[in-house]
């Protein structure tokens, strides 16, 4: 049986998509789990590194638009 290497940590702020199609910014690693934060603020959540993938161009655009809209409404990010 081959030993699988853990996924390489992304840079903080990297946009990732989890298994539930939630887009979040990578915040860090804790006890083998990765912490993601919604681009519009709110509460972080943790995911298994195997359950995320980098956001594609369409997902990044959607996230960046949501962030800009939240800022224009004066929401705390």
N, C-alpha and C. Protein backbone atom coordinates (compact mmCIF):
# COMPACT_ATOMS: atom_id res chain seq x y z
N UNK A 1 0.84 -1.17 0.00
CA UNK A 1 0.00 0.00 0.00
C UNK A 1 0.89 1.24 0.00
N UNK A 2 0.58 2.21 -0.88
CA UNK A 2 1.35 3.42 -0.99
C UNK A 2 0.92 4.42 0.07
N UNK A 3 1.90 5.12 0.62
CA UNK A 3 1.55 6.17 1.56
C UNK A 3 1.28 7.44 0.77
N UNK A 4 0.18 8.09 1.09
CA UNK A 4 -0.22 9.27 0.36
C UNK A 4 0.31 10.51 1.07
N UNK A 5 0.94 11.40 0.32
CA UNK A 5 1.45 12.63 0.88
C UNK A 5 0.29 13.57 1.16
N UNK A 6 0.33 14.30 2.27
CA UNK A 6 -0.72 15.28 2.50
C UNK A 6 -0.65 16.39 1.46
N UNK A 7 -1.79 16.98 1.10
CA UNK A 7 -1.77 18.06 0.12
C UNK A 7 -0.90 19.22 0.62
N UNK A 8 -0.25 19.89 -0.29
CA UNK A 8 0.58 21.03 0.06
C UNK A 8 -0.32 22.19 0.50
N UNK A 9 0.10 22.89 1.55
CA UNK A 9 -0.68 24.03 2.04
C UNK A 9 -0.71 25.14 1.01
N UNK A 10 -1.90 25.64 0.70
CA UNK A 10 -1.97 26.79 -0.21
C UNK A 10 -1.54 28.07 0.52
N UNK A 11 -1.28 29.10 -0.23
CA UNK A 11 -0.95 30.39 0.36
C UNK A 11 -2.19 30.96 1.04
N UNK A 12 -2.02 31.66 2.16
CA UNK A 12 -3.18 32.30 2.80
C UNK A 12 -3.90 33.21 1.80
N UNK A 13 -5.23 33.14 1.81
CA UNK A 13 -6.04 33.94 0.89
C UNK A 13 -6.40 33.22 -0.39
N UNK A 14 -5.79 32.05 -0.65
CA UNK A 14 -6.12 31.29 -1.85
C UNK A 14 -7.59 30.88 -1.81
N UNK A 15 -8.30 31.07 -2.91
CA UNK A 15 -9.71 30.69 -2.97
C UNK A 15 -9.83 29.21 -3.27
N UNK A 16 -10.59 28.53 -2.41
CA UNK A 16 -10.81 27.09 -2.55
C UNK A 16 -12.30 26.81 -2.52
N UNK A 17 -12.69 25.68 -3.09
CA UNK A 17 -14.08 25.24 -3.10
C UNK A 17 -14.15 23.91 -2.39
N UNK A 18 -15.08 23.79 -1.42
CA UNK A 18 -15.21 22.54 -0.68
C UNK A 18 -16.22 21.61 -1.35
N UNK A 19 -16.44 20.45 -0.76
CA UNK A 19 -17.32 19.43 -1.34
C UNK A 19 -18.77 19.89 -1.40
N UNK A 20 -19.12 20.92 -0.63
CA UNK A 20 -20.49 21.46 -0.65
C UNK A 20 -20.60 22.69 -1.54
N UNK A 21 -19.61 22.91 -2.40
CA UNK A 21 -19.54 24.04 -3.33
C UNK A 21 -19.48 25.39 -2.64
N UNK A 22 -18.98 25.43 -1.40
CA UNK A 22 -18.78 26.71 -0.73
C UNK A 22 -17.38 27.22 -1.10
N UNK A 23 -17.30 28.50 -1.42
CA UNK A 23 -16.03 29.12 -1.78
C UNK A 23 -15.50 29.85 -0.55
N UNK A 24 -14.26 29.61 -0.23
CA UNK A 24 -13.65 30.28 0.91
C UNK A 24 -12.19 30.55 0.70
N UNK A 25 -11.69 31.51 1.48
CA UNK A 25 -10.26 31.82 1.46
C UNK A 25 -9.55 30.91 2.44
N UNK A 26 -8.44 30.35 2.02
CA UNK A 26 -7.64 29.53 2.91
C UNK A 26 -7.06 30.42 4.00
N UNK A 27 -7.24 30.02 5.28
CA UNK A 27 -6.74 30.80 6.42
C UNK A 27 -5.60 30.11 7.15
N UNK A 28 -5.56 28.78 7.09
CA UNK A 28 -4.49 28.08 7.78
C UNK A 28 -4.85 26.64 8.04
N UNK A 29 -3.94 25.93 8.71
CA UNK A 29 -4.12 24.51 9.02
C UNK A 29 -4.08 24.33 10.52
N UNK A 30 -4.92 23.43 11.02
CA UNK A 30 -4.95 23.13 12.44
C UNK A 30 -5.33 21.66 12.61
N UNK A 31 -4.46 20.90 13.21
CA UNK A 31 -4.70 19.47 13.48
C UNK A 31 -5.10 18.69 12.22
N UNK A 32 -4.48 19.00 11.11
CA UNK A 32 -4.75 18.28 9.87
C UNK A 32 -5.94 18.79 9.09
N UNK A 33 -6.69 19.74 9.63
CA UNK A 33 -7.83 20.33 8.92
C UNK A 33 -7.45 21.71 8.40
N UNK A 34 -8.08 22.11 7.32
CA UNK A 34 -7.84 23.43 6.77
C UNK A 34 -9.00 24.33 7.14
N UNK A 35 -8.68 25.57 7.47
CA UNK A 35 -9.68 26.56 7.83
C UNK A 35 -9.95 27.46 6.62
N UNK A 36 -11.23 27.60 6.29
CA UNK A 36 -11.65 28.47 5.18
C UNK A 36 -12.57 29.54 5.74
N UNK A 37 -12.53 30.72 5.14
CA UNK A 37 -13.37 31.84 5.55
C UNK A 37 -14.13 32.32 4.34
N UNK A 38 -15.44 32.55 4.47
CA UNK A 38 -16.20 33.09 3.34
C UNK A 38 -15.60 34.42 2.89
N UNK A 39 -15.65 34.71 1.61
CA UNK A 39 -15.06 35.93 1.09
C UNK A 39 -15.83 37.17 1.55
N UNK A 40 -17.05 37.00 1.99
CA UNK A 40 -17.86 38.13 2.47
C UNK A 40 -17.81 38.26 3.98
N UNK A 41 -16.87 37.58 4.62
CA UNK A 41 -16.78 37.64 6.07
C UNK A 41 -17.52 36.46 6.69
N UNK A 42 -18.00 36.64 7.88
CA UNK A 42 -18.73 35.63 8.65
C UNK A 42 -17.79 34.58 9.21
N UNK A 43 -18.36 33.47 9.62
CA UNK A 43 -17.66 32.45 10.38
C UNK A 43 -16.84 31.51 9.50
N UNK A 44 -15.62 31.24 9.94
CA UNK A 44 -14.76 30.27 9.26
C UNK A 44 -15.30 28.86 9.49
N UNK A 45 -14.90 27.93 8.62
CA UNK A 45 -15.23 26.53 8.80
C UNK A 45 -14.00 25.69 8.46
N UNK A 46 -13.99 24.47 8.92
CA UNK A 46 -12.85 23.59 8.65
C UNK A 46 -13.27 22.49 7.69
N UNK A 47 -12.30 22.05 6.91
CA UNK A 47 -12.51 20.99 5.92
C UNK A 47 -11.31 20.07 5.91
N UNK A 48 -11.53 18.86 5.44
CA UNK A 48 -10.42 17.94 5.17
C UNK A 48 -9.73 18.41 3.90
N UNK A 49 -8.43 18.45 3.88
CA UNK A 49 -7.72 18.92 2.68
C UNK A 49 -8.10 18.14 1.42
N UNK A 50 -8.45 16.88 1.56
CA UNK A 50 -8.83 16.07 0.41
C UNK A 50 -10.17 16.49 -0.19
N UNK A 51 -10.96 17.28 0.56
CA UNK A 51 -12.31 17.65 0.13
C UNK A 51 -12.37 19.04 -0.49
N UNK A 52 -11.24 19.63 -0.84
CA UNK A 52 -11.24 20.96 -1.46
C UNK A 52 -10.45 20.94 -2.75
N UNK A 53 -10.74 21.90 -3.59
CA UNK A 53 -10.00 22.09 -4.82
C UNK A 53 -9.89 23.58 -5.08
N UNK A 54 -8.91 23.99 -5.86
CA UNK A 54 -8.79 25.42 -6.17
C UNK A 54 -10.02 25.90 -6.93
N UNK A 55 -10.43 27.13 -6.65
CA UNK A 55 -11.56 27.72 -7.38
C UNK A 55 -11.17 27.94 -8.83
N UNK A 56 -12.10 27.68 -9.73
CA UNK A 56 -11.83 27.95 -11.14
C UNK A 56 -12.11 29.44 -11.42
N UNK A 57 -11.88 29.87 -12.64
CA UNK A 57 -12.01 31.29 -12.99
C UNK A 57 -13.42 31.82 -12.72
N UNK A 58 -14.44 31.06 -13.05
CA UNK A 58 -15.82 31.49 -12.83
C UNK A 58 -16.11 31.62 -11.33
N UNK A 59 -15.65 30.67 -10.55
CA UNK A 59 -15.87 30.71 -9.10
C UNK A 59 -15.12 31.88 -8.47
N UNK A 60 -13.90 32.15 -8.93
CA UNK A 60 -13.14 33.30 -8.41
C UNK A 60 -13.85 34.61 -8.72
N UNK A 61 -14.36 34.74 -9.94
CA UNK A 61 -15.08 35.95 -10.34
C UNK A 61 -16.32 36.14 -9.47
N UNK A 62 -17.06 35.06 -9.25
CA UNK A 62 -18.25 35.10 -8.40
C UNK A 62 -17.88 35.57 -6.99
N UNK A 63 -16.82 35.01 -6.43
CA UNK A 63 -16.38 35.36 -5.08
C UNK A 63 -15.93 36.82 -5.00
N UNK A 64 -15.18 37.27 -5.99
CA UNK A 64 -14.69 38.64 -5.98
C UNK A 64 -15.84 39.64 -6.13
N UNK A 65 -16.85 39.29 -6.92
CA UNK A 65 -18.03 40.14 -7.06
C UNK A 65 -18.81 40.20 -5.75
N UNK A 66 -18.97 39.06 -5.09
CA UNK A 66 -19.67 39.02 -3.80
C UNK A 66 -18.93 39.88 -2.77
N UNK A 67 -17.60 39.82 -2.76
CA UNK A 67 -16.81 40.63 -1.83
C UNK A 67 -17.00 42.12 -2.12
N UNK A 68 -16.94 42.51 -3.39
CA UNK A 68 -17.11 43.92 -3.76
C UNK A 68 -18.50 44.41 -3.38
N UNK A 69 -19.52 43.59 -3.60
CA UNK A 69 -20.88 43.98 -3.23
C UNK A 69 -21.02 44.14 -1.72
N UNK A 70 -20.42 43.25 -0.95
CA UNK A 70 -20.48 43.33 0.51
C UNK A 70 -19.79 44.62 0.98
N UNK A 71 -18.66 44.94 0.40
CA UNK A 71 -17.96 46.18 0.77
C UNK A 71 -18.79 47.42 0.44
N UNK A 72 -19.47 47.39 -0.70
CA UNK A 72 -20.26 48.55 -1.10
C UNK A 72 -21.46 48.75 -0.17
N UNK A 73 -21.92 47.67 0.45
CA UNK A 73 -23.02 47.77 1.42
C UNK A 73 -22.52 48.14 2.82
N UNK A 74 -21.20 48.24 2.98
CA UNK A 74 -20.63 48.61 4.26
C UNK A 74 -20.53 47.46 5.25
N UNK A 75 -20.63 46.23 4.76
CA UNK A 75 -20.52 45.07 5.65
C UNK A 75 -19.07 44.90 6.08
N UNK A 76 -18.89 44.48 7.31
CA UNK A 76 -17.54 44.25 7.83
C UNK A 76 -17.00 42.98 7.22
N UNK A 77 -15.77 43.05 6.68
CA UNK A 77 -15.16 41.86 6.08
C UNK A 77 -14.01 41.42 6.91
